[in-house]
PDB file of all heavy atoms in Angstrom:
ATOM      1  N   GLN A   1     156.972  31.717 122.179  1.00  0.00           N
ATOM      2  CA  GLN A   1     157.713  32.938 122.286  1.00  0.00           C
ATOM      3  C   GLN A   1     158.465  33.044 123.644  1.00  0.00           C
ATOM      4  O   GLN A   1     159.625  33.476 123.685  1.00  0.00           O
ATOM      5  CB  GLN A   1     156.805  34.169 122.113  1.00  0.00           C
ATOM      6  CG  GLN A   1     156.297  34.317 120.742  1.00  0.00           C
ATOM      7  CD  GLN A   1     155.275  35.422 120.601  1.00  0.00           C
ATOM      8  OE1 GLN A   1     154.771  35.941 121.590  1.00  0.00           O
ATOM      9  NE2 GLN A   1     154.908  35.789 119.352  1.00  0.00           N
ATOM     10  N   LEU A   2     157.809  32.606 124.663  1.00  0.00           N
ATOM     11  CA  LEU A   2     158.398  32.679 126.005  1.00  0.00           C
ATOM     12  C   LEU A   2     159.605  31.690 126.045  1.00  0.00           C
ATOM     13  O   LEU A   2     160.683  32.015 126.524  1.00  0.00           O
ATOM     14  CB  LEU A   2     157.402  32.275 127.075  1.00  0.00           C
ATOM     15  CG  LEU A   2     157.922  32.205 128.458  1.00  0.00           C
ATOM     16  CD1 LEU A   2     158.203  33.663 128.977  1.00  0.00           C
ATOM     17  CD2 LEU A   2     156.922  31.556 129.390  1.00  0.00           C
ATOM     18  N   TRP A   3     159.440  30.493 125.471  1.00  0.00           N
ATOM     19  CA  TRP A   3     160.486  29.491 125.403  1.00  0.00           C
ATOM     20  C   TRP A   3     161.702  30.006 124.665  1.00  0.00           C
ATOM     21  O   TRP A   3     162.820  29.856 125.116  1.00  0.00           O
ATOM     22  CB  TRP A   3     159.994  28.227 124.805  1.00  0.00           C
ATOM     23  CG  TRP A   3     161.073  27.171 124.637  1.00  0.00           C
ATOM     24  CD1 TRP A   3     161.767  26.910 123.555  1.00  0.00           C
ATOM     25  CD2 TRP A   3     161.557  26.291 125.650  1.00  0.00           C
ATOM     26  NE1 TRP A   3     162.686  25.908 123.805  1.00  0.00           N
ATOM     27  CE2 TRP A   3     162.558  25.527 125.081  1.00  0.00           C
ATOM     28  CE3 TRP A   3     161.229  26.045 127.015  1.00  0.00           C
ATOM     29  CZ2 TRP A   3     163.242  24.507 125.745  1.00  0.00           C
ATOM     30  CZ3 TRP A   3     161.895  25.081 127.689  1.00  0.00           C
ATOM     31  CH2 TRP A   3     162.890  24.327 127.088  1.00  0.00           C
ATOM     32  N   SER A   4     161.465  30.653 123.482  1.00  0.00           N
ATOM     33  CA  SER A   4     162.547  31.156 122.676  1.00  0.00           C
ATOM     34  C   SER A   4     163.310  32.317 123.299  1.00  0.00           C
ATOM     35  O   SER A   4     164.505  32.441 123.138  1.00  0.00           O
ATOM     36  CB  SER A   4     162.038  31.513 121.298  1.00  0.00           C
ATOM     37  OG  SER A   4     161.183  32.622 121.353  1.00  0.00           O
ATOM     38  N   LYS A   5     162.571  33.136 124.080  1.00  0.00           N
ATOM     39  CA  LYS A   5     163.286  34.267 124.734  1.00  0.00           C
ATOM     40  C   LYS A   5     163.997  33.889 125.973  1.00  0.00           C
ATOM     41  O   LYS A   5     165.010  34.498 126.291  1.00  0.00           O
ATOM     42  CB  LYS A   5     162.205  35.369 125.073  1.00  0.00           C
ATOM     43  CG  LYS A   5     161.665  36.073 123.835  1.00  0.00           C
ATOM     44  CD  LYS A   5     160.667  37.108 124.331  1.00  0.00           C
ATOM     45  CE  LYS A   5     160.024  37.813 123.148  1.00  0.00           C
ATOM     46  NZ  LYS A   5     159.034  38.772 123.615  1.00  0.00           N
ATOM     47  N   HIS A   6     163.478  32.958 126.748  1.00  0.00           N
ATOM     48  CA  HIS A   6     164.011  32.608 128.049  1.00  0.00           C
ATOM     49  C   HIS A   6     164.273  31.113 128.127  1.00  0.00           C
ATOM     50  O   HIS A   6     163.687  30.374 128.933  1.00  0.00           O
ATOM     51  CB  HIS A   6     163.077  32.998 129.190  1.00  0.00           C
ATOM     52  CG  HIS A   6     162.619  34.449 129.093  1.00  0.00           C
ATOM     53  ND1 HIS A   6     163.462  35.501 129.354  1.00  0.00           N
ATOM     54  CD2 HIS A   6     161.473  34.997 128.722  1.00  0.00           C
ATOM     55  CE1 HIS A   6     162.781  36.619 129.149  1.00  0.00           C
ATOM     56  NE2 HIS A   6     161.582  36.319 128.787  1.00  0.00           N
ATOM     57  N   LYS A   7     165.218  30.634 127.326  1.00  0.00           N
ATOM     58  CA  LYS A   7     165.468  29.167 127.252  1.00  0.00           C
ATOM     59  C   LYS A   7     166.019  28.631 128.635  1.00  0.00           C
ATOM     60  O   LYS A   7     165.570  27.627 129.067  1.00  0.00           O
ATOM     61  CB  LYS A   7     166.427  28.878 126.173  1.00  0.00           C
ATOM     62  CG  LYS A   7     165.817  28.989 124.810  1.00  0.00           C
ATOM     63  CD  LYS A   7     166.794  28.687 123.707  1.00  0.00           C
ATOM     64  CE  LYS A   7     166.118  28.925 122.391  1.00  0.00           C
ATOM     65  NZ  LYS A   7     166.938  29.579 121.417  1.00  0.00           N
ATOM     66  N   THR A   8     166.983  29.266 129.211  1.00  0.00           N
ATOM     67  CA  THR A   8     167.587  28.774 130.441  1.00  0.00           C
ATOM     68  C   THR A   8     166.622  28.871 131.609  1.00  0.00           C
ATOM     69  O   THR A   8     166.548  27.920 132.441  1.00  0.00           O
ATOM     70  CB  THR A   8     168.849  29.508 130.764  1.00  0.00           C
ATOM     71  OG1 THR A   8     168.660  30.911 130.793  1.00  0.00           O
ATOM     72  CG2 THR A   8     169.964  29.213 129.774  1.00  0.00           C
ATOM     73  N   ALA A   9     165.815  29.899 131.630  1.00  0.00           N
ATOM     74  CA  ALA A   9     164.824  30.002 132.670  1.00  0.00           C
ATOM     75  C   ALA A   9     163.717  28.949 132.529  1.00  0.00           C
ATOM     76  O   ALA A   9     163.274  28.356 133.484  1.00  0.00           O
ATOM     77  CB  ALA A   9     164.206  31.400 132.674  1.00  0.00           C
ATOM     78  N   SER A  10     163.394  28.653 131.294  1.00  0.00           N
ATOM     79  CA  SER A  10     162.371  27.615 130.981  1.00  0.00           C
ATOM     80  C   SER A  10     162.865  26.241 131.401  1.00  0.00           C
ATOM     81  O   SER A  10     162.115  25.446 131.957  1.00  0.00           O
ATOM     82  CB  SER A  10     162.028  27.616 129.517  1.00  0.00           C
ATOM     83  OG  SER A  10     161.449  28.824 129.125  1.00  0.00           O
ATOM     84  N   VAL A  11     164.161  25.982 131.176  1.00  0.00           N
ATOM     85  CA  VAL A  11     164.719  24.680 131.610  1.00  0.00           C
ATOM     86  C   VAL A  11     164.670  24.587 133.129  1.00  0.00           C
ATOM     87  O   VAL A  11     164.382  23.509 133.682  1.00  0.00           O
ATOM     88  CB  VAL A  11     166.172  24.520 131.089  1.00  0.00           C
ATOM     89  CG1 VAL A  11     166.868  23.293 131.681  1.00  0.00           C
ATOM     90  CG2 VAL A  11     166.121  24.417 129.519  1.00  0.00           C
ATOM     91  N   SER A  12     164.942  25.711 133.816  1.00  0.00           N
ATOM     92  CA  SER A  12     164.923  25.669 135.268  1.00  0.00           C
ATOM     93  C   SER A  12     163.516  25.359 135.749  1.00  0.00           C
ATOM     94  O   SER A  12     163.325  24.576 136.686  1.00  0.00           O
ATOM     95  CB  SER A  12     165.384  27.048 135.795  1.00  0.00           C
ATOM     96  OG  SER A  12     165.256  27.074 137.190  1.00  0.00           O
ATOM     97  N   VAL A  13     162.527  25.999 135.164  1.00  0.00           N
ATOM     98  CA  VAL A  13     161.132  25.740 135.604  1.00  0.00           C
ATOM     99  C   VAL A  13     160.681  24.295 135.290  1.00  0.00           C
ATOM    100  O   VAL A  13     160.055  23.631 136.155  1.00  0.00           O
ATOM    101  CB  VAL A  13     160.175  26.778 134.909  1.00  0.00           C
ATOM    102  CG1 VAL A  13     158.743  26.422 135.129  1.00  0.00           C
ATOM    103  CG2 VAL A  13     160.496  28.176 135.388  1.00  0.00           C
ATOM    104  N   VAL A  14     161.095  23.792 134.118  1.00  0.00           N
ATOM    105  CA  VAL A  14     160.712  22.398 133.789  1.00  0.00           C
ATOM    106  C   VAL A  14     161.371  21.450 134.767  1.00  0.00           C
ATOM    107  O   VAL A  14     160.755  20.400 135.193  1.00  0.00           O
ATOM    108  CB  VAL A  14     161.090  22.111 132.295  1.00  0.00           C
ATOM    109  CG1 VAL A  14     161.019  20.633 132.032  1.00  0.00           C
ATOM    110  CG2 VAL A  14     160.160  22.846 131.385  1.00  0.00           C
ATOM    111  N   THR A  15     162.627  21.703 135.157  1.00  0.00           N
ATOM    112  CA  THR A  15     163.310  20.841 136.094  1.00  0.00           C
ATOM    113  C   THR A  15     162.633  20.839 137.419  1.00  0.00           C
ATOM    114  O   THR A  15     162.529  19.822 138.100  1.00  0.00           O
ATOM    115  CB  THR A  15     164.808  21.279 136.204  1.00  0.00           C
ATOM    116  OG1 THR A  15     165.408  21.312 134.943  1.00  0.00           O
ATOM    117  CG2 THR A  15     165.599  20.320 137.076  1.00  0.00           C
ATOM    118  N   CYS A  16     162.165  22.043 137.841  1.00  0.00           N
ATOM    119  CA  CYS A  16     161.449  22.154 139.102  1.00  0.00           C
ATOM    120  C   CYS A  16     160.185  21.309 139.083  1.00  0.00           C
ATOM    121  O   CYS A  16     159.826  20.630 140.069  1.00  0.00           O
ATOM    122  CB  CYS A  16     161.142  23.598 139.379  1.00  0.00           C
ATOM    123  SG  CYS A  16     162.535  24.597 139.895  1.00  0.00           S
ATOM    124  N   ILE A  17     159.431  21.376 137.948  1.00  0.00           N
ATOM    125  CA  ILE A  17     158.175  20.680 137.881  1.00  0.00           C
ATOM    126  C   ILE A  17     158.430  19.143 137.881  1.00  0.00           C
ATOM    127  O   ILE A  17     157.751  18.378 138.539  1.00  0.00           O
ATOM    128  CB  ILE A  17     157.475  21.057 136.565  1.00  0.00           C
ATOM    129  CG1 ILE A  17     156.956  22.536 136.670  1.00  0.00           C
ATOM    130  CG2 ILE A  17     156.281  20.102 136.261  1.00  0.00           C
ATOM    131  CD1 ILE A  17     156.423  23.096 135.397  1.00  0.00           C
ATOM    132  N   LEU A  18     159.445  18.693 137.168  1.00  0.00           N
ATOM    133  CA  LEU A  18     159.796  17.291 137.228  1.00  0.00           C
ATOM    134  C   LEU A  18     160.224  16.829 138.537  1.00  0.00           C
ATOM    135  O   LEU A  18     159.933  15.720 139.030  1.00  0.00           O
ATOM    136  CB  LEU A  18     160.928  16.971 136.161  1.00  0.00           C
ATOM    137  CG  LEU A  18     160.491  17.022 134.737  1.00  0.00           C
ATOM    138  CD1 LEU A  18     161.725  16.877 133.840  1.00  0.00           C
ATOM    139  CD2 LEU A  18     159.447  16.021 134.381  1.00  0.00           C
ATOM    140  N   GLU A  19     160.974  17.646 139.323  1.00  0.00           N
ATOM    141  CA  GLU A  19     161.375  17.321 140.649  1.00  0.00           C
ATOM    142  C   GLU A  19     160.163  17.188 141.617  1.00  0.00           C
ATOM    143  O   GLU A  19     160.091  16.227 142.333  1.00  0.00           O
ATOM    144  CB  GLU A  19     162.317  18.412 141.190  1.00  0.00           C
ATOM    145  CG  GLU A  19     162.837  18.202 142.542  1.00  0.00           C
ATOM    146  CD  GLU A  19     163.636  19.365 143.053  1.00  0.00           C
ATOM    147  OE1 GLU A  19     163.970  20.277 142.266  1.00  0.00           O
ATOM    148  OE2 GLU A  19     163.999  19.334 144.234  1.00  0.00           O
ATOM    149  N   ILE A  20     159.243  18.080 141.453  1.00  0.00           N
ATOM    150  CA  ILE A  20     158.044  18.036 142.321  1.00  0.00           C
ATOM    151  C   ILE A  20     157.218  16.745 141.978  1.00  0.00           C
ATOM    152  O   ILE A  20     156.790  15.997 142.886  1.00  0.00           O
ATOM    153  CB  ILE A  20     157.144  19.245 142.095  1.00  0.00           C
ATOM    154  CG1 ILE A  20     157.757  20.483 142.676  1.00  0.00           C
ATOM    155  CG2 ILE A  20     155.735  19.059 142.674  1.00  0.00           C
ATOM    156  CD1 ILE A  20     157.106  21.773 142.340  1.00  0.00           C
ATOM    157  N   ILE A  21     157.092  16.461 140.696  1.00  0.00           N
ATOM    158  CA  ILE A  21     156.295  15.232 140.323  1.00  0.00           C
ATOM    159  C   ILE A  21     156.996  13.986 140.811  1.00  0.00           C
ATOM    160  O   ILE A  21     156.302  13.112 141.352  1.00  0.00           O
ATOM    161  CB  ILE A  21     156.116  15.204 138.763  1.00  0.00           C
ATOM    162  CG1 ILE A  21     155.137  16.320 138.376  1.00  0.00           C
ATOM    163  CG2 ILE A  21     155.638  13.837 138.328  1.00  0.00           C
ATOM    164  CD1 ILE A  21     155.065  16.532 136.856  1.00  0.00           C
ATOM    165  N   THR A  22     158.322  13.927 140.684  1.00  0.00           N
ATOM    166  CA  THR A  22     159.041  12.684 141.072  1.00  0.00           C
ATOM    167  C   THR A  22     158.982  12.540 142.561  1.00  0.00           C
ATOM    168  O   THR A  22     158.623  11.427 143.061  1.00  0.00           O
ATOM    169  CB  THR A  22     160.486  12.792 140.560  1.00  0.00           C
ATOM    170  OG1 THR A  22     160.487  12.961 139.187  1.00  0.00           O
ATOM    171  CG2 THR A  22     161.228  11.540 140.942  1.00  0.00           C
ATOM    172  N   VAL A  23     159.382  13.532 143.293  1.00  0.00           N
ATOM    173  CA  VAL A  23     159.463  13.396 144.794  1.00  0.00           C
ATOM    174  C   VAL A  23     158.134  13.131 145.401  1.00  0.00           C
ATOM    175  O   VAL A  23     157.951  12.198 146.199  1.00  0.00           O
ATOM    176  CB  VAL A  23     160.209  14.615 145.392  1.00  0.00           C
ATOM    177  CG1 VAL A  23     160.124  14.582 146.886  1.00  0.00           C
ATOM    178  CG2 VAL A  23     161.657  14.680 144.938  1.00  0.00           C
ATOM    179  N   TRP A  24     157.153  13.951 145.045  1.00  0.00           N
ATOM    180  CA  TRP A  24     155.861  13.852 145.703  1.00  0.00           C
ATOM    181  C   TRP A  24     155.086  12.613 145.187  1.00  0.00           C
ATOM    182  O   TRP A  24     154.265  12.019 145.891  1.00  0.00           O
ATOM    183  CB  TRP A  24     155.015  15.109 145.608  1.00  0.00           C
ATOM    184  CG  TRP A  24     155.550  16.094 146.606  1.00  0.00           C
ATOM    185  CD1 TRP A  24     156.403  17.130 146.380  1.00  0.00           C
ATOM    186  CD2 TRP A  24     155.358  16.109 148.006  1.00  0.00           C
ATOM    187  NE1 TRP A  24     156.716  17.816 147.523  1.00  0.00           N
ATOM    188  CE2 TRP A  24     156.057  17.180 148.553  1.00  0.00           C
ATOM    189  CE3 TRP A  24     154.566  15.314 148.865  1.00  0.00           C
ATOM    190  CZ2 TRP A  24     156.017  17.487 149.913  1.00  0.00           C
ATOM    191  CZ3 TRP A  24     154.548  15.624 150.206  1.00  0.00           C
ATOM    192  CH2 TRP A  24     155.248  16.713 150.728  1.00  0.00           C
ATOM    193  N   GLY A  25     155.390  12.195 143.978  1.00  0.00           N
ATOM    194  CA  GLY A  25     154.832  10.935 143.464  1.00  0.00           C
ATOM    195  C   GLY A  25     155.300   9.773 144.251  1.00  0.00           C
ATOM    196  O   GLY A  25     154.507   8.868 144.634  1.00  0.00           O
ATOM    197  N   ILE A  26     156.606   9.732 144.547  1.00  0.00           N
ATOM    198  CA  ILE A  26     157.156   8.664 145.407  1.00  0.00           C
ATOM    199  C   ILE A  26     156.614   8.705 146.790  1.00  0.00           C
ATOM    200  O   ILE A  26     156.319   7.675 147.431  1.00  0.00           O
ATOM    201  CB  ILE A  26     158.686   8.657 145.362  1.00  0.00           C
ATOM    202  CG1 ILE A  26     159.141   8.246 143.982  1.00  0.00           C
ATOM    203  CG2 ILE A  26     159.294   7.793 146.380  1.00  0.00           C
ATOM    204  CD1 ILE A  26     160.628   8.388 143.700  1.00  0.00           C
ATOM    205  N   VAL A  27     156.440   9.915 147.321  1.00  0.00           N
ATOM    206  CA  VAL A  27     155.860  10.084 148.661  1.00  0.00           C
ATOM    207  C   VAL A  27     154.461   9.514 148.699  1.00  0.00           C
ATOM    208  O   VAL A  27     154.100   8.804 149.645  1.00  0.00           O
ATOM    209  CB  VAL A  27     155.870  11.529 149.135  1.00  0.00           C
ATOM    210  CG1 VAL A  27     155.014  11.797 150.347  1.00  0.00           C
ATOM    211  CG2 VAL A  27     157.303  12.010 149.361  1.00  0.00           C
TER     212      VAL A  27
END
């Protein structure tokens, strides 16, 4: 329900999570 109501906000949060995983994984 959250995904269907706030699609663009959800994409922003998922992108932030992927960024954290990638950058700090490489660190």
